[in-house]
PDB file of N, CA and C in Angstrom:
ATOM      1  N   MET A   1     -55.526 -81.807  90.527  1.00  0.00           N
ATOM      2  CA  MET A   1     -54.914 -81.012  89.485  1.00  0.00           C
ATOM      3  C   MET A   1     -54.678 -79.613  90.026  1.00  0.00           C
ATOM      4  N   LEU A   2     -53.457 -79.153  89.932  1.00  0.00           N
ATOM      5  CA  LEU A   2     -53.091 -77.811  90.349  1.00  0.00           C
ATOM      6  C   LEU A   2     -52.925 -76.919  89.138  1.00  0.00           C
ATOM      7  N   ILE A   3     -53.287 -75.658  89.294  1.00  0.00           N
ATOM      8  CA  ILE A   3     -53.124 -74.661  88.237  1.00  0.00           C
ATOM      9  C   ILE A   3     -52.320 -73.516  88.831  1.00  0.00           C
ATOM     10  N   GLY A   4     -51.352 -73.001  88.075  1.00  0.00           N
ATOM     11  CA  GLY A   4     -50.515 -71.912  88.557  1.00  0.00           C
ATOM     12  C   GLY A   4     -50.640 -70.682  87.680  1.00  0.00           C
ATOM     13  N   TYR A   5     -50.326 -69.535  88.282  1.00  0.00           N
ATOM     14  CA  TYR A   5     -50.361 -68.258  87.572  1.00  0.00           C
ATOM     15  C   TYR A   5     -49.148 -67.450  87.985  1.00  0.00           C
ATOM     16  N   ALA A   6     -48.403 -66.974  87.000  1.00  0.00           N
ATOM     17  CA  ALA A   6     -47.225 -66.153  87.254  1.00  0.00           C
ATOM     18  C   ALA A   6     -47.384 -64.844  86.481  1.00  0.00           C
ATOM     19  N   ARG A   7     -46.938 -63.737  87.113  1.00  0.00           N
ATOM     20  CA  ARG A   7     -47.072 -62.438  86.459  1.00  0.00           C
ATOM     21  C   ARG A   7     -45.914 -61.536  86.846  1.00  0.00           C
ATOM     22  N   VAL A   8     -45.443 -60.781  85.876  1.00  0.00           N
ATOM     23  CA  VAL A   8     -44.490 -59.703  86.119  1.00  0.00           C
ATOM     24  C   VAL A   8     -45.100 -58.422  85.570  1.00  0.00           C
ATOM     25  N   SER A   9     -44.624 -57.291  86.065  1.00  0.00           N
ATOM     26  CA  SER A   9     -45.205 -56.000  85.706  1.00  0.00           C
ATOM     27  C   SER A   9     -44.697 -55.438  84.390  1.00  0.00           C
ATOM     28  N   LYS A  10     -43.521 -55.860  83.960  1.00  0.00           N
ATOM     29  CA  LYS A  10     -42.932 -55.278  82.758  1.00  0.00           C
ATOM     30  C   LYS A  10     -42.769 -56.325  81.668  1.00  0.00           C
ATOM     31  N   ALA A  11     -43.163 -55.969  80.461  1.00  0.00           N
ATOM     32  CA  ALA A  11     -43.045 -56.881  79.324  1.00  0.00           C
ATOM     33  C   ALA A  11     -41.747 -56.657  78.551  1.00  0.00           C
ATOM     34  N   ASP A  12     -40.891 -55.763  79.037  1.00  0.00           N
ATOM     35  CA  ASP A  12     -39.675 -55.422  78.294  1.00  0.00           C
ATOM     36  C   ASP A  12     -38.524 -56.398  78.523  1.00  0.00           C
ATOM     37  N   GLY A  13     -38.744 -57.443  79.296  1.00  0.00           N
ATOM     38  CA  GLY A  13     -37.705 -58.436  79.528  1.00  0.00           C
ATOM     39  C   GLY A  13     -36.828 -58.152  80.731  1.00  0.00           C
ATOM     40  N   SER A  14     -37.060 -57.030  81.418  1.00  0.00           N
ATOM     41  CA  SER A  14     -36.242 -56.699  82.583  1.00  0.00           C
ATOM     42  C   SER A  14     -36.666 -57.486  83.826  1.00  0.00           C
ATOM     43  N   GLN A  15     -37.845 -58.108  83.776  1.00  0.00           N
ATOM     44  CA  GLN A  15     -38.311 -58.950  84.869  1.00  0.00           C
ATOM     45  C   GLN A  15     -38.578 -60.344  84.321  1.00  0.00           C
ATOM     46  N   LEU A  16     -38.185 -61.361  85.075  1.00  0.00           N
ATOM     47  CA  LEU A  16     -38.311 -62.739  84.619  1.00  0.00           C
ATOM     48  C   LEU A  16     -39.318 -63.509  85.473  1.00  0.00           C
ATOM     49  N   LEU A  17     -39.903 -64.522  84.865  1.00  0.00           N
ATOM     50  CA  LEU A  17     -40.864 -65.378  85.541  1.00  0.00           C
ATOM     51  C   LEU A  17     -40.213 -66.633  86.120  1.00  0.00           C
ATOM     52  N   ASP A  18     -38.925 -66.774  85.955  1.00  0.00           N
ATOM     53  CA  ASP A  18     -38.218 -68.008  86.318  1.00  0.00           C
ATOM     54  C   ASP A  18     -38.434 -68.431  87.772  1.00  0.00           C
ATOM     55  N   LEU A  19     -38.279 -67.518  88.720  1.00  0.00           N
ATOM     56  CA  LEU A  19     -38.429 -67.884  90.136  1.00  0.00           C
ATOM     57  C   LEU A  19     -39.857 -68.298  90.455  1.00  0.00           C
ATOM     58  N   GLN A  20     -40.822 -67.629  89.836  1.00  0.00           N
ATOM     59  CA  GLN A  20     -42.215 -68.001  90.053  1.00  0.00           C
ATOM     60  C   GLN A  20     -42.490 -69.384  89.468  1.00  0.00           C
ATOM     61  N   HIS A  21     -41.952 -69.653  88.275  1.00  0.00           N
ATOM     62  CA  HIS A  21     -42.116 -70.975  87.658  1.00  0.00           C
ATOM     63  C   HIS A  21     -41.492 -72.052  88.538  1.00  0.00           C
ATOM     64  N   ASP A  22     -40.288 -71.784  89.041  1.00  0.00           N
ATOM     65  CA  ASP A  22     -39.613 -72.752  89.908  1.00  0.00           C
ATOM     66  C   ASP A  22     -40.460 -73.069  91.140  1.00  0.00           C
ATOM     67  N   ALA A  23     -41.029 -72.033  91.755  1.00  0.00           N
ATOM     68  CA  ALA A  23     -41.853 -72.242  92.946  1.00  0.00           C
ATOM     69  C   ALA A  23     -43.111 -73.033  92.610  1.00  0.00           C
ATOM     70  N   LEU A  24     -43.703 -72.760  91.456  1.00  0.00           N
ATOM     71  CA  LEU A  24     -44.906 -73.501  91.046  1.00  0.00           C
ATOM     72  C   LEU A  24     -44.569 -74.964  90.758  1.00  0.00           C
ATOM     73  N   PHE A  25     -43.429 -75.218  90.105  1.00  0.00           N
ATOM     74  CA  PHE A  25     -42.993 -76.597  89.851  1.00  0.00           C
ATOM     75  C   PHE A  25     -42.794 -77.332  91.165  1.00  0.00           C
ATOM     76  N   GLU A  26     -42.137 -76.680  92.130  1.00  0.00           N
ATOM     77  CA  GLU A  26     -41.900 -77.298  93.439  1.00  0.00           C
ATOM     78  C   GLU A  26     -43.201 -77.590  94.169  1.00  0.00           C
ATOM     79  N   ALA A  27     -44.218 -76.784  93.903  1.00  0.00           N
ATOM     80  CA  ALA A  27     -45.525 -76.991  94.535  1.00  0.00           C
ATOM     81  C   ALA A  27     -46.309 -78.100  93.852  1.00  0.00           C
ATOM     82  N   GLY A  28     -45.793 -78.599  92.711  1.00  0.00           N
ATOM     83  CA  GLY A  28     -46.446 -79.703  92.025  1.00  0.00           C
ATOM     84  C   GLY A  28     -47.299 -79.325  90.836  1.00  0.00           C
ATOM     85  N   VAL A  29     -47.144 -78.102  90.350  1.00  0.00           N
ATOM     86  CA  VAL A  29     -47.922 -77.663  89.184  1.00  0.00           C
ATOM     87  C   VAL A  29     -47.192 -78.106  87.913  1.00  0.00           C
ATOM     88  N   ASP A  30     -47.909 -78.768  86.994  1.00  0.00           N
ATOM     89  CA  ASP A  30     -47.327 -79.173  85.717  1.00  0.00           C
ATOM     90  C   ASP A  30     -47.099 -77.944  84.838  1.00  0.00           C
ATOM     91  N   ALA A  31     -46.039 -77.976  84.034  1.00  0.00           N
ATOM     92  CA  ALA A  31     -45.669 -76.837  83.197  1.00  0.00           C
ATOM     93  C   ALA A  31     -46.806 -76.387  82.281  1.00  0.00           C
ATOM     94  N   GLU A  32     -47.572 -77.336  81.748  1.00  0.00           N
ATOM     95  CA  GLU A  32     -48.658 -76.964  80.830  1.00  0.00           C
ATOM     96  C   GLU A  32     -49.855 -76.346  81.550  1.00  0.00           C
ATOM     97  N   ARG A  33     -49.821 -76.342  82.859  1.00  0.00           N
ATOM     98  CA  ARG A  33     -50.914 -75.761  83.655  1.00  0.00           C
ATOM     99  C   ARG A  33     -50.506 -74.456  84.342  1.00  0.00           C
ATOM    100  N   ILE A  34     -49.397 -73.870  83.863  1.00  0.00           N
ATOM    101  CA  ILE A  34     -48.967 -72.569  84.377  1.00  0.00           C
ATOM    102  C   ILE A  34     -49.337 -71.506  83.346  1.00  0.00           C
ATOM    103  N   PHE A  35     -50.104 -70.556  83.790  1.00  0.00           N
ATOM    104  CA  PHE A  35     -50.523 -69.447  82.937  1.00  0.00           C
ATOM    105  C   PHE A  35     -49.760 -68.216  83.377  1.00  0.00           C
ATOM    106  N   GLU A  36     -49.467 -67.325  82.425  1.00  0.00           N
ATOM    107  CA  GLU A  36     -48.640 -66.170  82.766  1.00  0.00           C
ATOM    108  C   GLU A  36     -49.056 -64.922  82.019  1.00  0.00           C
ATOM    109  N   ASP A  37     -48.709 -63.806  82.622  1.00  0.00           N
ATOM    110  CA  ASP A  37     -48.931 -62.491  82.018  1.00  0.00           C
ATOM    111  C   ASP A  37     -47.703 -61.637  82.262  1.00  0.00           C
ATOM    112  N   LYS A  38     -47.446 -60.761  81.327  1.00  0.00           N
ATOM    113  CA  LYS A  38     -46.400 -59.756  81.466  1.00  0.00           C
ATOM    114  C   LYS A  38     -47.070 -58.419  81.205  1.00  0.00           C
ATOM    115  N   ALA A  39     -47.636 -57.840  82.258  1.00  0.00           N
ATOM    116  CA  ALA A  39     -48.381 -56.592  82.125  1.00  0.00           C
ATOM    117  C   ALA A  39     -48.439 -55.895  83.470  1.00  0.00           C
ATOM    118  N   SER A  40     -48.699 -54.627  83.436  1.00  0.00           N
ATOM    119  CA  SER A  40     -48.797 -53.828  84.644  1.00  0.00           C
ATOM    120  C   SER A  40     -49.927 -54.313  85.539  1.00  0.00           C
ATOM    121  N   GLY A  41     -49.734 -54.217  86.837  1.00  0.00           N
ATOM    122  CA  GLY A  41     -50.766 -54.583  87.794  1.00  0.00           C
ATOM    123  C   GLY A  41     -51.909 -53.587  87.817  1.00  0.00           C
ATOM    124  N   ARG A  42     -51.728 -52.430  87.204  1.00  0.00           N
ATOM    125  CA  ARG A  42     -52.787 -51.418  87.152  1.00  0.00           C
ATOM    126  C   ARG A  42     -53.888 -51.807  86.183  1.00  0.00           C
ATOM    127  N   LYS A  43     -53.600 -52.748  85.293  1.00  0.00           N
ATOM    128  CA  LYS A  43     -54.587 -53.174  84.313  1.00  0.00           C
ATOM    129  C   LYS A  43     -55.362 -54.370  84.857  1.00  0.00           C
ATOM    130  N   ASP A  44     -56.669 -54.365  84.662  1.00  0.00           N
ATOM    131  CA  ASP A  44     -57.504 -55.485  85.110  1.00  0.00           C
ATOM    132  C   ASP A  44     -57.506 -56.640  84.123  1.00  0.00           C
ATOM    133  N   HIS A  45     -57.222 -56.358  82.856  1.00  0.00           N
ATOM    134  CA  HIS A  45     -57.273 -57.376  81.810  1.00  0.00           C
ATOM    135  C   HIS A  45     -56.096 -58.336  81.975  1.00  0.00           C
ATOM    136  N   ARG A  46     -56.379 -59.624  82.111  1.00  0.00           N
ATOM    137  CA  ARG A  46     -55.367 -60.660  82.286  1.00  0.00           C
ATOM    138  C   ARG A  46     -55.510 -61.694  81.190  1.00  0.00           C
ATOM    139  N   PRO A  47     -54.917 -61.448  80.025  1.00  0.00           N
ATOM    140  CA  PRO A  47     -55.071 -62.404  78.911  1.00  0.00           C
ATOM    141  C   PRO A  47     -54.557 -63.800  79.233  1.00  0.00           C
ATOM    142  N   GLY A  48     -53.568 -63.928  80.109  1.00  0.00           N
ATOM    143  CA  GLY A  48     -53.041 -65.241  80.474  1.00  0.00           C
ATOM    144  C   GLY A  48     -54.023 -66.105  81.229  1.00  0.00           C
ATOM    145  N   LEU A  49     -55.055 -65.490  81.778  1.00  0.00           N
ATOM    146  CA  LEU A  49     -56.075 -66.247  82.514  1.00  0.00           C
ATOM    147  C   LEU A  49     -57.284 -66.568  81.668  1.00  0.00           C
ATOM    148  N   MET A  50     -57.328 -66.063  80.450  1.00  0.00           N
ATOM    149  CA  MET A  50     -58.488 -66.302  79.567  1.00  0.00           C
ATOM    150  C   MET A  50     -58.380 -67.681  78.948  1.00  0.00           C
ATOM    151  N   PRO A  51     -59.525 -68.392  78.780  1.00  0.00           N
ATOM    152  CA  PRO A  51     -59.509 -69.701  78.140  1.00  0.00           C
ATOM    153  C   PRO A  51     -59.006 -69.594  76.698  1.00  0.00           C
ATOM    154  N   ALA A  52     -58.315 -70.602  76.273  1.00  0.00           N
ATOM    155  CA  ALA A  52     -57.766 -70.613  74.899  1.00  0.00           C
ATOM    156  C   ALA A  52     -58.828 -70.905  73.875  1.00  0.00           C
TER     157      ALA A  52
END
């Protein structure tokens, strides 16, 4: 089982996760196992990595 993580620095929509998702799909990661965040890299808090 593979797990993927994609992140962009801006939440305003000017940056997209599409290329990262495509690369994760090509690597064999299932869509439901890709976690993502749209937040600055200066912040340590990563809500996309927290258990649901």
